[in-house]
Amino acid sequence: MTEAYNHYSVEFSEYVTKMVVLDGHKMTDISQKLDIPYGTLKRWVQSYRRKQREAEKENQNQLLTATEYKELYEQERQGRIDMEEENEILKKAMHIFTQEKE
């Protein structure tokens, strides 16, 4: 005997998963209301939660330590100082070249 498998769209599975994970609906209720096998819904939810954990770990890896933050701050500060010096030089040069010759 062959079983018929339903193929659900990605958008539908994401929507249903968010109903469970973010809105707090019970998987059994959603499974019965939408006629989705409980095992399928459970797999979708587990996959979604795993992706959330991985994204959270990635965000934590992107956070800077105090030393890295200080180095970045000093680099930006030095770049700003250099740019201000260049602007002053350009202002003086512009003033010299725009003066009328006597």
Protein backbone atom coordinates (compact mmCIF):
# COMPACT_ATOMS: atom_id res chain seq x y z
CA MET A 1 0.00 0.00 0.00
CA THR A 2 1.40 3.37 -0.98
CA GLU A 3 0.92 6.37 1.23
CA ALA A 4 0.19 9.74 -0.29
CA TYR A 5 2.53 12.45 0.92
CA ASN A 6 1.49 16.08 1.06
CA HIS A 7 4.05 18.57 -0.12
CA TYR A 8 3.80 21.87 1.67
CA SER A 9 5.26 25.11 0.38
CA VAL A 10 8.18 26.68 2.22
CA GLU A 11 6.10 29.77 3.01
CA PHE A 12 3.33 27.65 4.53
CA SER A 13 5.72 25.64 6.68
CA GLU A 14 7.43 28.82 7.91
CA TYR A 15 4.07 30.41 8.72
CA VAL A 16 2.86 27.38 10.66
CA THR A 17 6.19 27.06 12.47
CA LYS A 18 6.08 30.70 13.56
CA MET A 19 2.54 30.15 14.85
CA VAL A 20 3.95 27.49 17.18
CA VAL A 21 7.28 29.08 18.12
CA LEU A 22 6.49 32.79 18.22
CA ASP A 23 2.76 32.87 18.94
CA GLY A 24 2.79 29.98 21.41
CA HIS A 25 0.14 27.77 19.80
CA LYS A 26 0.24 24.09 20.74
CA MET A 27 1.62 21.76 18.10
CA THR A 28 -1.20 19.27 18.66
CA ASP A 29 -3.85 21.94 18.07
CA ILE A 30 -2.18 23.25 14.92
CA SER A 31 -1.62 19.73 13.67
CA GLN A 32 -5.29 18.86 14.04
CA LYS A 33 -6.68 22.17 12.72
CA LEU A 34 -4.52 22.24 9.61
CA ASP A 35 -4.41 18.48 9.07
CA ILE A 36 -0.62 18.31 9.20
CA PRO A 37 1.01 15.16 10.58
CA TYR A 38 2.35 15.83 14.07
CA GLY A 39 5.78 14.42 13.16
CA THR A 40 6.09 16.77 10.20
CA LEU A 41 5.17 19.78 12.31
CA LYS A 42 7.57 18.72 15.04
CA ARG A 43 10.38 18.43 12.48
CA TRP A 44 9.63 21.91 11.13
CA VAL A 45 9.66 23.40 14.64
CA GLN A 46 12.91 21.67 15.57
CA SER A 47 14.54 22.89 12.37
CA TYR A 48 13.34 26.45 12.98
CA ARG A 49 14.61 26.46 16.56
CA ARG A 50 17.96 25.05 15.46
CA LYS A 51 18.29 27.87 12.89
CA GLN A 52 17.42 30.41 15.60
CA ARG A 53 20.13 29.03 17.91
CA GLU A 54 22.70 29.10 15.10
CA ALA A 55 21.77 32.69 14.26
CA GLU A 56 22.10 33.64 17.93
CA LYS A 57 25.54 32.03 18.14
CA GLU A 58 26.60 33.88 15.00
CA ASN A 59 25.44 37.18 16.52
CA GLN A 60 27.37 36.47 19.71
CA ASN A 61 30.49 35.68 17.67
CA GLN A 62 30.16 39.10 16.04
CA LEU A 63 30.28 40.92 19.38
CA LEU A 64 33.55 42.65 20.12
CA THR A 65 35.71 42.10 23.16
CA ALA A 66 36.82 45.15 25.14
CA THR A 67 40.28 45.02 23.55
CA GLU A 68 38.86 44.76 20.03
CA TYR A 69 36.46 47.61 20.72
CA LYS A 70 39.28 49.80 22.05
CA GLU A 71 41.44 49.06 18.97
CA LEU A 72 38.55 49.87 16.64
CA TYR A 73 37.83 53.08 18.55
CA GLU A 74 41.48 54.16 18.35
CA GLN A 75 41.61 53.42 14.61
CA GLU A 76 38.49 55.51 13.99
CA ARG A 77 39.79 58.30 16.23
CA GLN A 78 43.15 58.39 14.44
CA GLY A 79 41.39 58.37 11.06
CA ARG A 80 39.24 61.32 12.14
CA ILE A 81 42.31 63.25 13.34
CA ASP A 82 44.11 62.58 10.05
CA MET A 83 41.08 63.73 8.07
CA GLU A 84 40.81 66.94 10.10
CA GLU A 85 44.49 67.69 9.46
CA GLU A 86 44.01 67.12 5.72
CA ASN A 87 41.00 69.46 5.74
CA GLU A 88 43.02 72.20 7.45
CA ILE A 89 45.82 71.84 4.87
CA LEU A 90 43.30 72.01 2.02
CA LYS A 91 41.65 75.09 3.54
CA LYS A 92 45.00 76.85 3.80
CA ALA A 93 45.91 75.85 0.23
CA MET A 94 42.55 77.07 -1.08
CA HIS A 95 43.01 80.35 0.74
CA ILE A 96 46.48 80.83 -0.75
CA PHE A 97 45.37 80.00 -4.32
CA THR A 98 42.22 82.09 -4.20
CA GLN A 99 43.94 85.29 -3.09
CA GLU A 100 44.22 87.90 -5.78
CA LYS A 101 47.69 88.46 -7.10
CA GLU A 102 48.95 91.98 -6.58
